[in-house]
Protein backbone atom coordinates (compact mmCIF):
# COMPACT_ATOMS: atom_id res chain seq x y z
CA MET A 1 25.82 -53.97 -51.86
CA PRO A 2 29.46 -53.00 -51.91
CA THR A 3 30.35 -49.57 -49.74
CA ALA A 4 31.72 -46.52 -52.84
CA ILE A 5 35.01 -45.10 -51.73
CA VAL A 6 34.62 -41.55 -53.10
CA THR A 7 37.87 -38.59 -52.88
CA ASP A 8 38.70 -35.22 -54.24
CA SER A 9 42.27 -35.79 -56.19
CA ALA A 10 44.42 -33.77 -54.37
CA CYS A 11 44.69 -37.18 -52.39
CA ASP A 12 46.97 -37.81 -54.80
CA LEU A 13 46.36 -41.30 -56.12
CA GLY A 14 46.78 -41.26 -60.18
CA PRO A 15 43.38 -42.18 -61.98
CA GLY A 16 43.99 -45.71 -63.41
CA GLN A 17 45.87 -46.19 -59.32
CA ALA A 18 42.49 -44.43 -57.84
CA ARG A 19 39.71 -47.59 -60.31
CA SER A 20 42.55 -50.24 -60.00
CA ILE A 21 42.07 -49.82 -56.46
CA GLY A 22 37.87 -49.69 -56.57
CA ILE A 23 37.63 -45.42 -55.86
CA ASP A 24 36.39 -42.71 -57.02
CA LEU A 25 38.27 -39.26 -57.39
CA VAL A 26 36.81 -36.60 -57.99
CA PRO A 27 38.70 -34.11 -60.05
CA ILE A 28 39.37 -30.25 -58.23
CA VAL A 29 40.14 -27.63 -60.85
CA VAL A 30 43.48 -26.07 -61.75
CA ARG A 31 44.32 -22.90 -63.34
CA PHE A 32 46.87 -21.81 -64.88
CA GLY A 33 45.48 -17.77 -65.78
CA ASP A 34 42.16 -17.61 -67.15
CA ARG A 35 41.90 -21.04 -67.89
CA ALA A 36 40.64 -23.84 -66.02
CA TYR A 37 41.77 -27.19 -66.30
CA ARG A 38 40.21 -30.74 -63.98
CA ASP A 39 42.84 -32.91 -62.40
CA GLY A 40 42.87 -36.20 -64.53
CA VAL A 41 40.87 -35.14 -66.47
CA ASP A 42 41.96 -32.31 -68.69
CA LEU A 43 45.46 -32.36 -67.81
CA THR A 44 47.28 -35.25 -66.52
CA LEU A 45 50.21 -34.87 -64.57
CA ARG A 46 52.44 -34.54 -67.18
CA ASP A 47 50.29 -31.99 -68.85
CA PHE A 48 50.43 -30.03 -65.52
CA TYR A 49 55.21 -29.92 -64.93
CA ALA A 50 55.94 -29.16 -68.40
CA LYS A 51 53.42 -26.27 -67.57
CA LEU A 52 54.65 -24.93 -64.64
CA ASP A 53 57.10 -22.18 -64.56
CA PRO A 54 58.82 -21.00 -61.88
CA SER A 55 59.87 -17.45 -63.16
CA GLY A 56 56.35 -17.34 -64.45
CA GLU A 57 52.09 -16.80 -62.90
CA LEU A 58 52.06 -19.42 -60.69
CA PRO A 59 49.07 -21.58 -61.34
CA VAL A 60 46.88 -21.95 -57.79
CA THR A 61 44.20 -25.21 -57.86
CA GLU A 62 39.92 -24.95 -56.37
CA PRO A 63 38.19 -27.23 -54.85
CA PRO A 64 35.53 -28.88 -57.07
CA PRO A 65 32.44 -27.35 -57.24
CA GLU A 66 29.54 -28.76 -54.85
CA GLU A 67 27.66 -30.72 -58.32
CA ALA A 68 30.26 -32.50 -58.88
CA PHE A 69 30.33 -34.25 -56.09
CA VAL A 70 26.55 -34.31 -56.39
CA GLU A 71 27.57 -36.39 -59.22
CA ALA A 72 30.01 -38.90 -58.08
CA PHE A 73 27.73 -39.28 -54.62
CA HIS A 74 24.94 -39.79 -56.90
CA LYS A 75 26.53 -42.67 -59.11
CA HIS A 76 26.86 -45.35 -55.85
CA VAL A 77 22.77 -43.94 -54.39
CA SER A 78 21.49 -44.60 -57.54
CA ALA A 79 22.74 -47.96 -57.48
CA GLY A 80 21.83 -48.68 -54.18
CA ARG A 81 25.36 -48.53 -52.61
CA GLU A 82 25.78 -46.39 -49.53
CA VAL A 83 29.99 -44.39 -49.82
CA VAL A 84 32.58 -43.13 -47.93
CA CYS A 85 34.22 -39.61 -49.03
CA PRO A 86 37.50 -38.77 -47.11
CA THR A 87 38.86 -34.79 -47.91
CA VAL A 88 41.42 -32.29 -47.53
CA SER A 89 41.53 -31.04 -44.19
CA SER A 90 39.16 -28.38 -43.68
CA LYS A 91 41.45 -25.82 -41.70
CA VAL A 92 43.80 -25.69 -44.87
CA SER A 93 40.80 -26.19 -47.91
CA LYS A 94 36.41 -25.70 -48.90
CA LEU A 95 36.89 -29.06 -49.96
CA TYR A 96 35.38 -30.21 -46.97
CA GLU A 97 32.61 -28.53 -46.44
CA ILE A 98 31.65 -28.42 -50.14
CA ALA A 99 31.77 -32.92 -49.98
CA CYS A 100 29.55 -32.09 -46.65
CA ALA A 101 26.67 -30.26 -48.67
CA ALA A 102 26.84 -32.13 -51.34
CA ALA A 103 26.09 -35.28 -48.97
CA ALA A 104 23.24 -33.63 -47.05
CA LYS A 105 20.76 -34.40 -50.42
CA PHE A 106 21.56 -38.13 -50.08
CA ALA A 107 19.99 -38.32 -47.05
CA GLY A 108 22.03 -40.59 -44.45
CA ARG A 109 23.71 -42.14 -47.19
CA VAL A 110 27.14 -41.57 -47.79
CA HIS A 111 29.57 -40.60 -44.99
CA VAL A 112 32.21 -36.95 -45.41
CA ILE A 113 35.08 -37.36 -43.70
CA ASP A 114 37.17 -34.44 -42.36
CA ALA A 115 41.24 -36.59 -43.28
CA LYS A 116 42.90 -33.94 -40.61
CA THR A 117 45.52 -34.36 -43.67
CA ILE A 118 47.00 -33.56 -47.43
CA SER A 119 48.30 -36.18 -50.49
CA GLY A 120 49.19 -38.54 -49.05
CA GLY A 121 47.68 -39.24 -46.14
CA ILE A 122 44.34 -39.03 -47.90
CA GLY A 123 45.71 -41.67 -50.68
CA LEU A 124 46.80 -43.77 -47.67
CA LEU A 125 42.88 -43.08 -46.32
CA ALA A 126 41.02 -43.67 -48.98
CA SER A 127 43.33 -46.84 -50.41
CA GLY A 128 43.09 -48.05 -47.01
CA ALA A 129 39.06 -47.55 -46.78
CA ALA A 130 38.75 -49.40 -50.83
CA LYS A 131 40.90 -52.45 -49.35
CA LEU A 132 38.22 -52.79 -46.63
CA ALA A 133 34.81 -52.29 -48.73
CA ARG A 134 36.16 -54.66 -50.83
CA THR A 135 36.33 -57.09 -47.12
CA GLY A 136 32.31 -56.28 -47.32
CA ALA A 137 33.40 -53.69 -44.08
CA ASP A 138 29.68 -51.28 -44.42
CA ALA A 139 29.69 -47.25 -44.55
CA PRO A 140 29.93 -46.87 -40.77
CA THR A 141 32.82 -49.86 -39.74
CA ILE A 142 34.92 -47.88 -42.73
CA ALA A 143 34.00 -44.23 -41.52
CA ALA A 144 34.80 -45.46 -37.77
CA THR A 145 38.37 -46.99 -39.08
CA LEU A 146 38.93 -44.01 -40.44
CA ARG A 147 38.46 -41.62 -37.54
CA LYS A 148 40.83 -44.17 -35.88
CA TRP A 149 43.68 -44.33 -38.57
CA ILE A 150 43.27 -40.30 -38.72
CA ASP A 151 44.01 -40.45 -34.34
CA SER A 152 47.41 -42.32 -35.96
CA GLN A 153 49.03 -40.07 -39.01
CA ARG A 154 52.05 -38.58 -39.28
CA GLY A 155 52.75 -35.74 -42.51
CA TYR A 156 56.45 -34.02 -43.42
CA ALA A 157 57.27 -31.93 -46.03
CA ILE A 158 60.34 -30.44 -47.41
CA TYR A 159 61.24 -27.66 -49.73
CA PRO A 160 64.74 -27.28 -52.01
CA ASP A 161 63.33 -23.60 -52.47
CA LEU A 162 60.66 -21.58 -50.63
CA LYS A 163 59.76 -19.13 -53.38
CA PHE A 164 56.16 -21.76 -54.14
CA LEU A 165 55.84 -21.23 -51.05
CA ALA A 166 55.98 -17.79 -50.74
CA LYS A 167 54.47 -16.60 -53.78
CA SER A 168 51.25 -18.70 -52.91
CA GLY A 169 51.06 -16.88 -49.33
CA ARG A 170 52.02 -20.06 -47.39
CA ILE A 171 54.78 -18.14 -45.85
CA ASN A 172 55.72 -15.10 -44.45
CA LYS A 173 58.61 -12.43 -45.93
CA ALA A 174 60.08 -13.04 -42.78
CA GLN A 175 60.54 -16.76 -43.76
CA LEU A 176 61.17 -15.85 -47.03
CA VAL A 177 64.65 -13.93 -46.11
CA LEU A 178 65.46 -16.68 -43.24
CA GLY A 179 65.07 -19.50 -46.32
CA THR A 180 67.27 -17.85 -48.68
CA VAL A 181 69.48 -15.11 -47.40
CA MET A 182 70.56 -17.42 -43.98
CA GLN A 183 69.93 -20.82 -46.58
CA MET A 184 67.65 -22.13 -43.99
CA LYS A 185 65.77 -24.96 -45.25
CA PRO A 186 61.80 -25.68 -42.45
CA ILE A 187 60.69 -28.92 -42.35
CA THR A 188 57.10 -29.07 -42.19
CA ARG A 189 54.35 -30.92 -40.29
CA VAL A 190 50.57 -32.10 -40.29
CA ASN A 191 49.46 -31.49 -36.87
CA PRO A 192 46.45 -33.38 -35.51
CA ASP A 193 44.66 -31.22 -35.92
CA GLY A 194 45.28 -31.15 -39.80
CA THR A 195 46.71 -27.58 -39.82
CA LEU A 196 50.07 -27.03 -41.63
CA GLU A 197 53.50 -26.08 -39.11
CA SER A 198 56.93 -25.37 -39.26
CA GLU A 199 58.51 -28.84 -37.53
CA THR A 200 61.86 -27.42 -37.09
CA THR A 201 64.45 -26.03 -39.49
CA VAL A 202 67.73 -26.82 -40.27
CA LYS A 203 71.08 -25.64 -42.53
CA SER A 204 70.87 -27.28 -46.34
CA PHE A 205 68.32 -29.21 -48.29
CA GLU A 206 70.86 -32.83 -47.88
CA GLN A 207 69.97 -31.92 -44.69
CA ALA A 208 66.72 -31.82 -44.65
CA LYS A 209 66.85 -34.86 -46.37
CA GLU A 210 68.21 -37.51 -43.94
CA MET A 211 66.39 -34.94 -41.16
CA ILE A 212 62.33 -35.85 -42.59
CA ALA A 213 63.68 -39.51 -42.68
CA SER A 214 64.83 -38.98 -39.17
CA ILE A 215 62.13 -37.65 -37.98
CA ALA A 216 58.75 -40.30 -39.03
CA SER A 217 60.77 -43.13 -38.11
CA ARG A 218 60.80 -41.97 -34.27
CA ARG A 219 57.19 -40.63 -34.88
CA LEU A 220 55.93 -44.36 -35.58
CA ALA A 221 54.85 -46.24 -31.67
CA ASN A 222 55.09 -49.26 -34.64
CA PRO A 223 56.91 -49.26 -37.62
CA ALA A 224 55.39 -52.93 -38.52
CA CYS A 225 51.47 -51.50 -38.56
CA ALA A 226 52.64 -48.49 -40.44
CA ARG A 227 51.44 -47.66 -44.32
CA ILE A 228 53.55 -44.94 -45.92
CA ALA A 229 53.41 -43.32 -48.10
CA VAL A 230 56.92 -41.54 -49.48
CA MET A 231 55.70 -38.37 -51.85
CA HIS A 232 57.42 -36.07 -54.54
CA THR A 233 56.80 -33.29 -56.97
CA ASN A 234 59.05 -34.68 -59.72
CA ALA A 235 61.73 -36.43 -58.34
CA PRO A 236 61.15 -39.40 -58.46
CA GLU A 237 64.99 -40.37 -57.61
CA LEU A 238 64.66 -37.84 -54.27
CA GLY A 239 61.16 -39.54 -53.75
CA ALA A 240 63.10 -43.03 -53.75
CA PHE A 241 65.89 -42.03 -51.53
CA LEU A 242 63.77 -41.25 -48.90
CA ALA A 243 62.12 -44.03 -49.44
CA GLU A 244 65.28 -46.52 -49.16
CA THR A 245 66.72 -44.09 -45.81
CA LEU A 246 63.61 -44.66 -44.10
CA ARG A 247 62.99 -47.81 -44.72
CA SER A 248 66.71 -48.34 -43.56
CA LYS A 249 66.22 -45.98 -40.34
CA LEU A 250 62.86 -49.17 -38.89
CA ALA A 251 63.18 -51.05 -36.11
CA ALA A 252 60.55 -52.96 -38.73
CA THR A 253 60.29 -53.84 -42.59
CA PRO A 254 56.87 -51.60 -42.17
CA ALA A 255 53.34 -53.27 -43.85
CA GLU A 256 53.33 -51.04 -46.60
CA MET A 257 55.83 -47.85 -48.13
CA ASN A 258 54.99 -45.78 -51.53
CA VAL A 259 56.32 -44.18 -53.02
CA TRP A 260 54.13 -41.52 -55.17
CA GLU A 261 54.03 -38.67 -57.21
CA ALA A 262 51.87 -35.50 -55.54
CA GLY A 263 49.67 -33.28 -57.97
CA PRO A 264 49.01 -30.01 -58.64
CA ALA A 265 47.51 -28.94 -55.21
CA ILE A 266 50.36 -29.51 -53.59
CA ALA A 267 53.40 -28.16 -56.63
CA ALA A 268 51.34 -25.48 -57.04
CA ASN A 269 52.46 -24.70 -53.47
CA ALA A 270 55.93 -26.47 -53.03
CA GLY A 271 57.02 -26.07 -56.56
CA PRO A 272 59.35 -29.29 -58.54
CA GLY A 273 61.78 -30.85 -56.87
CA ALA A 274 59.47 -30.95 -52.90
CA ALA A 275 59.08 -34.29 -50.82
CA ALA A 276 56.94 -35.26 -47.81
CA ILE A 277 56.69 -38.64 -46.25
CA PHE A 278 53.48 -39.60 -44.91
CA MET A 279 52.05 -42.40 -42.33
CA VAL A 280 49.29 -44.04 -41.24
CA GLU A 281 49.95 -46.72 -38.79
CA ASN A 282 46.78 -50.07 -38.96
């Protein structure tokens, strides 16, 4: 039986996109006030952005309940399939812990991997795992390959407005003052251990757009083997610009270049108009 690939919707692959390549998504929970929605099930991406009010109460996101992972795993294990499940970095979410608790009920048939990244970084890992599964690779082989890819991954993000980061607690008051009064724009990175940290600070968002592409291009050891996801939060023109700018700076054509729209897990914290570049070298 082929190996099943399961991940959470914070990977920012759309439900239809995920299904088309053989990935099951477990939806994260999005709360607007006292209303809770399952990402991609009760709440589409278009509906999410329509409800998002920068001047009002911001939505919050939560990991799926353990029962949701149990249900997803059981469907495959009961059919005779093993499961590989990459999840959001354990340094920024309890999702990995919850998925591991669910996997423990299946006697080693489910392999949960801390992806040590977020958003499109998980999307790259999950889509790569699904491709391996389609070739007939078994679960231990796919899990081992994911861990190798994780060692090579990089991720960087830019933000036009720091109010969302401040409201969500992702930056402190001093950083907010620096960004609003001094008009400085941060570029953040995903560290190898899965934590998020500042990479550098520039004087404008226009400069940040050029700088993030330059940083990403310099960090690729072998661009021809790279799979890249350029993410944006309701800003398709920005996503296309970053993809084209990055492509022009690379010494070789990457194996894969995607432009994907980020969902609630990122947009609730970064706000609309933000962008990121994630890379994995196969």
